[in-house]
Protein backbone atom coordinates (compact mmCIF):
# COMPACT_ATOMS: atom_id res chain seq x y z
CA UNK A 1 56.27 41.73 -47.34
CA UNK A 2 55.53 37.96 -47.46
CA UNK A 3 53.67 36.91 -50.34
CA UNK A 4 51.24 33.51 -50.05
CA UNK A 5 49.70 31.96 -53.04
CA UNK A 6 46.23 33.24 -52.05
CA UNK A 7 47.09 36.76 -50.67
CA UNK A 8 49.57 38.59 -48.90
CA UNK A 9 50.48 39.07 -45.16
CA UNK A 10 52.93 41.73 -43.78
CA UNK A 11 55.01 41.04 -40.98
CA UNK A 12 55.97 43.68 -38.42
CA UNK A 13 59.56 45.20 -39.42
CA UNK A 14 62.09 45.39 -36.32
CA UNK A 15 65.36 45.66 -34.93
CA UNK A 16 68.05 46.16 -37.71
CA UNK A 17 65.69 45.73 -40.73
CA UNK A 18 63.71 48.70 -39.30
CA UNK A 19 66.51 51.22 -38.83
CA UNK A 20 67.94 50.06 -42.25
CA UNK A 21 64.61 50.74 -44.00
CA UNK A 22 64.22 54.20 -42.21
CA UNK A 23 67.57 55.23 -43.21
CA UNK A 24 66.62 54.42 -46.89
CA UNK A 25 63.23 56.13 -46.43
CA UNK A 26 61.26 52.56 -47.35
CA UNK A 27 58.01 53.08 -46.05
CA UNK A 28 56.86 50.74 -43.23
CA UNK A 29 54.33 48.23 -44.45
CA UNK A 30 51.24 47.79 -42.22
CA UNK A 31 51.10 44.78 -40.17
CA UNK A 32 48.87 41.76 -40.71
CA UNK A 33 47.10 43.01 -44.30
CA UNK A 34 45.28 39.99 -45.49
CA UNK A 35 43.62 39.86 -49.08
CA UNK A 36 44.08 38.68 -52.89
CA UNK A 37 46.55 40.55 -54.65
CA UNK A 38 45.55 42.34 -58.03
CA UNK A 39 47.61 41.98 -61.01
CA UNK A 40 49.02 45.41 -60.85
CA UNK A 41 50.13 44.68 -57.22
CA UNK A 42 51.74 41.59 -58.15
CA UNK A 43 54.26 43.25 -60.44
CA UNK A 44 57.46 44.12 -59.17
CA UNK A 45 60.32 46.42 -59.83
CA UNK A 46 62.68 44.65 -62.27
CA UNK A 47 65.69 46.04 -60.07
CA UNK A 48 64.11 44.77 -56.76
CA UNK A 49 62.96 41.16 -56.60
CA UNK A 50 62.94 40.96 -52.89
CA UNK A 51 59.87 39.24 -51.52
CA UNK A 52 60.66 38.84 -47.82
CA UNK A 53 62.62 39.68 -44.86
CA UNK A 54 64.51 36.75 -45.31
CA UNK A 55 65.96 37.63 -48.77
CA UNK A 56 66.79 41.01 -47.53
CA UNK A 57 68.84 39.53 -44.80
CA UNK A 58 70.81 37.60 -47.36
CA UNK A 59 71.19 40.59 -49.75
CA UNK A 60 72.36 42.77 -46.82
CA UNK A 61 74.82 40.01 -45.58
CA UNK A 62 76.37 39.79 -49.03
CA UNK A 63 76.63 43.58 -49.37
CA UNK A 64 78.41 43.66 -45.75
CA UNK A 65 81.21 40.81 -47.04
């Protein structure tokens, strides 16, 4: 999920990232959802502060080291 100041936009998940998310039983986001996030939707897990696939790539590459 990529979050912008005025709302959100979900990009399609493909390739290795998709296989990892499927293996971990993480639900796939719908593509191209636009809209203002409510306060409840803005809250994130304390254990999971990943906000984009780029951040996921960084974390996964650190795990692989």
